[in-house]
Amino acid sequence: LARVSWQAAELAALPVGMLPATTLELDHRYHDDEGLAGARYFVKFANGTERQGTLDKQGRAVIEEVPTGTVQVSFGPMPGAFTRKDRTPTPGHDPNPSEDKLANLVDKYLSAPSSAESSVS
């Protein structure tokens, strides 16, 4: 058997100031796929600069000339009240459970074996 040793090629690092600017696309939605229209966004770039703005009516925004590196994005709430599109009730949901029902539910889950215990044979 012949042994082959590999060595990674050494490449010169790209100069950070010469890297092209990029575009950041934001798309913020509720679980039902409704965009958060009019919500504020806040972006902090790796170089310390910050930008903020408002999402469009689909809950989207495009930020041009983004510096390289990591990006931190946070969103504010959507103006106005959120209403569910699908108002189908959750099966078995009890909006006002009794104390006994809650105690039984807690006992049920506290007495159930953990996944690690149940997988040991």
C-alpha atoms as a PDB file:
ATOM      1  CA  LEU A   1       0.000   0.000   0.000  1.00  0.00           C
ATOM      2  CA  ALA A   2       1.273   3.410  -0.906  1.00  0.00           C
ATOM      3  CA  ARG A   3       0.589   6.301   1.426  1.00  0.00           C
ATOM      4  CA  VAL A   4      -0.354   9.610  -0.031  1.00  0.00           C
ATOM      5  CA  SER A   5      -0.216  12.752   2.018  1.00  0.00           C
ATOM      6  CA  TRP A   6      -2.237  15.775   1.043  1.00  0.00           C
ATOM      7  CA  GLN A   7      -1.479  19.357   1.796  1.00  0.00           C
ATOM      8  CA  ALA A   8      -4.001  22.124   1.344  1.00  0.00           C
ATOM      9  CA  ALA A   9      -3.130  24.720  -1.263  1.00  0.00           C
ATOM     10  CA  GLU A  10      -2.190  28.085   0.162  1.00  0.00           C
ATOM     11  CA  LEU A  11      -4.144  30.942  -1.323  1.00  0.00           C
ATOM     12  CA  ALA A  12      -3.640  34.607  -0.681  1.00  0.00           C
ATOM     13  CA  ALA A  13      -6.442  36.155   1.364  1.00  0.00           C
ATOM     14  CA  LEU A  14      -8.698  38.566  -0.452  1.00  0.00           C
ATOM     15  CA  PRO A  15      -8.297  42.142   0.751  1.00  0.00           C
ATOM     16  CA  VAL A  16     -11.379  42.959   2.813  1.00  0.00           C
ATOM     17  CA  GLY A  17     -11.741  46.496   1.487  1.00  0.00           C
ATOM     18  CA  MET A  18     -11.778  45.230  -2.093  1.00  0.00           C
ATOM     19  CA  LEU A  19     -14.645  42.742  -1.744  1.00  0.00           C
ATOM     20  CA  PRO A  20     -17.777  43.727  -3.664  1.00  0.00           C
ATOM     21  CA  ALA A  21     -20.763  45.137  -1.823  1.00  0.00           C
ATOM     22  CA  THR A  22     -23.692  42.772  -1.442  1.00  0.00           C
ATOM     23  CA  THR A  23     -27.446  43.001  -1.173  1.00  0.00           C
ATOM     24  CA  LEU A  24     -29.435  41.919   1.874  1.00  0.00           C
ATOM     25  CA  GLU A  25     -33.022  40.827   1.321  1.00  0.00           C
ATOM     26  CA  LEU A  26     -35.340  40.784   4.335  1.00  0.00           C
ATOM     27  CA  ASP A  27     -38.580  38.795   4.323  1.00  0.00           C
ATOM     28  CA  HIS A  28     -40.418  38.634   7.650  1.00  0.00           C
ATOM     29  CA  ARG A  29     -43.690  36.669   7.917  1.00  0.00           C
ATOM     30  CA  TYR A  30     -46.109  35.264  10.426  1.00  0.00           C
ATOM     31  CA  HIS A  31     -46.579  31.496  10.644  1.00  0.00           C
ATOM     32  CA  ASP A  32     -49.537  31.747   8.267  1.00  0.00           C
ATOM     33  CA  ASP A  33     -47.296  33.368   5.601  1.00  0.00           C
ATOM     34  CA  GLU A  34     -48.695  36.877   6.097  1.00  0.00           C
ATOM     35  CA  GLY A  35     -45.926  39.473   5.737  1.00  0.00           C
ATOM     36  CA  LEU A  36     -45.424  41.919   8.585  1.00  0.00           C
ATOM     37  CA  ALA A  37     -46.387  44.970   6.532  1.00  0.00           C
ATOM     38  CA  GLY A  38     -45.090  48.234   7.933  1.00  0.00           C
ATOM     39  CA  ALA A  39     -42.941  46.639  10.658  1.00  0.00           C
ATOM     40  CA  ARG A  40     -39.666  48.421  11.433  1.00  0.00           C
ATOM     41  CA  TYR A  41     -36.357  46.633  10.881  1.00  0.00           C
ATOM     42  CA  PHE A  42     -32.973  47.343  12.402  1.00  0.00           C
ATOM     43  CA  VAL A  43     -29.728  46.067  10.875  1.00  0.00           C
ATOM     44  CA  LYS A  44     -26.258  46.197  12.445  1.00  0.00           C
ATOM     45  CA  PHE A  45     -23.295  45.301  10.251  1.00  0.00           C
ATOM     46  CA  ALA A  46     -19.948  43.785  11.248  1.00  0.00           C
ATOM     47  CA  ASN A  47     -18.184  47.118  10.701  1.00  0.00           C
ATOM     48  CA  GLY A  48     -20.460  48.767  13.305  1.00  0.00           C
ATOM     49  CA  THR A  49     -22.675  50.727  10.921  1.00  0.00           C
ATOM     50  CA  GLU A  50     -26.431  50.480  11.293  1.00  0.00           C
ATOM     51  CA  ARG A  51     -29.459  50.949   9.085  1.00  0.00           C
ATOM     52  CA  GLN A  52     -33.159  50.895   9.756  1.00  0.00           C
ATOM     53  CA  GLY A  53     -36.322  51.145   7.776  1.00  0.00           C
ATOM     54  CA  THR A  54     -39.841  49.829   7.275  1.00  0.00           C
ATOM     55  CA  LEU A  55     -40.913  46.593   5.589  1.00  0.00           C
ATOM     56  CA  ASP A  56     -43.168  46.925   2.528  1.00  0.00           C
ATOM     57  CA  LYS A  57     -46.741  45.610   2.282  1.00  0.00           C
ATOM     58  CA  GLN A  58     -45.442  42.049   1.710  1.00  0.00           C
ATOM     59  CA  GLY A  59     -43.135  42.233   4.771  1.00  0.00           C
ATOM     60  CA  ARG A  60     -39.996  42.640   2.648  1.00  0.00           C
ATOM     61  CA  ALA A  61     -37.103  45.063   2.261  1.00  0.00           C
ATOM     62  CA  VAL A  62     -33.949  45.166   0.138  1.00  0.00           C
ATOM     63  CA  ILE A  63     -30.803  46.762   1.513  1.00  0.00           C
ATOM     64  CA  GLU A  64     -28.111  47.599  -1.044  1.00  0.00           C
ATOM     65  CA  GLU A  65     -24.346  47.973  -0.583  1.00  0.00           C
ATOM     66  CA  VAL A  66     -24.110  45.836   2.519  1.00  0.00           C
ATOM     67  CA  PRO A  67     -20.577  45.632   3.944  1.00  0.00           C
ATOM     68  CA  THR A  68     -19.038  42.172   4.210  1.00  0.00           C
ATOM     69  CA  GLY A  69     -19.237  40.201   7.421  1.00  0.00           C
ATOM     70  CA  THR A  70     -21.997  39.140   9.730  1.00  0.00           C
ATOM     71  CA  VAL A  71     -25.287  40.994  10.056  1.00  0.00           C
ATOM     72  CA  GLN A  72     -27.627  41.280  13.030  1.00  0.00           C
ATOM     73  CA  VAL A  73     -31.267  41.916  12.117  1.00  0.00           C
ATOM     74  CA  SER A  74     -34.151  42.629  14.464  1.00  0.00           C
ATOM     75  CA  PHE A  75     -37.750  43.542  13.739  1.00  0.00           C
ATOM     76  CA  GLY A  76     -40.320  45.654  15.502  1.00  0.00           C
ATOM     77  CA  PRO A  77     -44.026  44.787  15.650  1.00  0.00           C
ATOM     78  CA  MET A  78     -46.355  45.216  12.707  1.00  0.00           C
ATOM     79  CA  PRO A  79     -48.589  48.257  13.136  1.00  0.00           C
ATOM     80  CA  GLY A  80     -52.203  47.409  13.903  1.00  0.00           C
ATOM     81  CA  ALA A  81     -53.741  44.298  15.358  1.00  0.00           C
ATOM     82  CA  PHE A  82     -52.885  40.831  14.076  1.00  0.00           C
ATOM     83  CA  THR A  83     -55.873  38.678  13.187  1.00  0.00           C
ATOM     84  CA  ARG A  84     -55.749  34.998  12.345  1.00  0.00           C
ATOM     85  CA  LYS A  85     -56.777  34.027   8.826  1.00  0.00           C
ATOM     86  CA  ASP A  86     -57.679  30.465   9.805  1.00  0.00           C
ATOM     87  CA  ARG A  87     -60.148  30.491  12.690  1.00  0.00           C
ATOM     88  CA  THR A  88     -60.642  26.708  12.816  1.00  0.00           C
ATOM     89  CA  PRO A  89     -60.594  25.734  16.509  1.00  0.00           C
ATOM     90  CA  THR A  90     -57.808  23.475  17.719  1.00  0.00           C
ATOM     91  CA  PRO A  91     -59.245  19.955  18.287  1.00  0.00           C
ATOM     92  CA  GLY A  92     -59.552  19.108  21.985  1.00  0.00           C
ATOM     93  CA  HIS A  93     -58.715  22.648  23.101  1.00  0.00           C
ATOM     94  CA  ASP A  94     -60.237  23.603  26.447  1.00  0.00           C
ATOM     95  CA  PRO A  95     -59.994  27.378  26.962  1.00  0.00           C
ATOM     96  CA  ASN A  96     -60.892  27.064  30.677  1.00  0.00           C
ATOM     97  CA  PRO A  97     -59.535  23.764  32.046  1.00  0.00           C
ATOM     98  CA  SER A  98     -60.359  22.833  35.640  1.00  0.00           C
ATOM     99  CA  GLU A  99     -57.675  22.514  38.321  1.00  0.00           C
ATOM    100  CA  ASP A 100     -58.172  18.711  38.299  1.00  0.00           C
ATOM    101  CA  LYS A 101     -57.702  18.544  34.531  1.00  0.00           C
ATOM    102  CA  LEU A 102     -54.485  20.576  34.757  1.00  0.00           C
ATOM    103  CA  ALA A 103     -53.167  18.427  37.632  1.00  0.00           C
ATOM    104  CA  ASN A 104     -53.913  15.228  35.678  1.00  0.00           C
ATOM    105  CA  LEU A 105     -52.120  16.608  32.640  1.00  0.00           C
ATOM    106  CA  VAL A 106     -49.029  17.499  34.695  1.00  0.00           C
ATOM    107  CA  ASP A 107     -49.048  14.050  36.330  1.00  0.00           C
ATOM    108  CA  LYS A 108     -49.349  12.407  32.904  1.00  0.00           C
ATOM    109  CA  TYR A 109     -46.197  14.094  31.588  1.00  0.00           C
ATOM    110  CA  LEU A 110     -44.197  13.798  34.807  1.00  0.00           C
ATOM    111  CA  SER A 111     -44.840  10.040  34.951  1.00  0.00           C
ATOM    112  CA  ALA A 112     -44.070   9.413  31.243  1.00  0.00           C
ATOM    113  CA  PRO A 113     -40.638   7.831  30.610  1.00  0.00           C
ATOM    114  CA  SER A 114     -38.122  10.114  28.941  1.00  0.00           C
ATOM    115  CA  SER A 115     -37.046   9.333  25.381  1.00  0.00           C
ATOM    116  CA  ALA A 116     -33.640   8.172  26.669  1.00  0.00           C
ATOM    117  CA  GLU A 117     -35.302   5.741  29.110  1.00  0.00           C
ATOM    118  CA  SER A 118     -37.768   4.396  26.552  1.00  0.00           C
ATOM    119  CA  SER A 119     -35.080   3.752  23.914  1.00  0.00           C
ATOM    120  CA  VAL A 120     -32.885   1.576  26.176  1.00  0.00           C
ATOM    121  CA  SER A 121     -33.408  -2.155  25.548  1.00  0.00           C
END
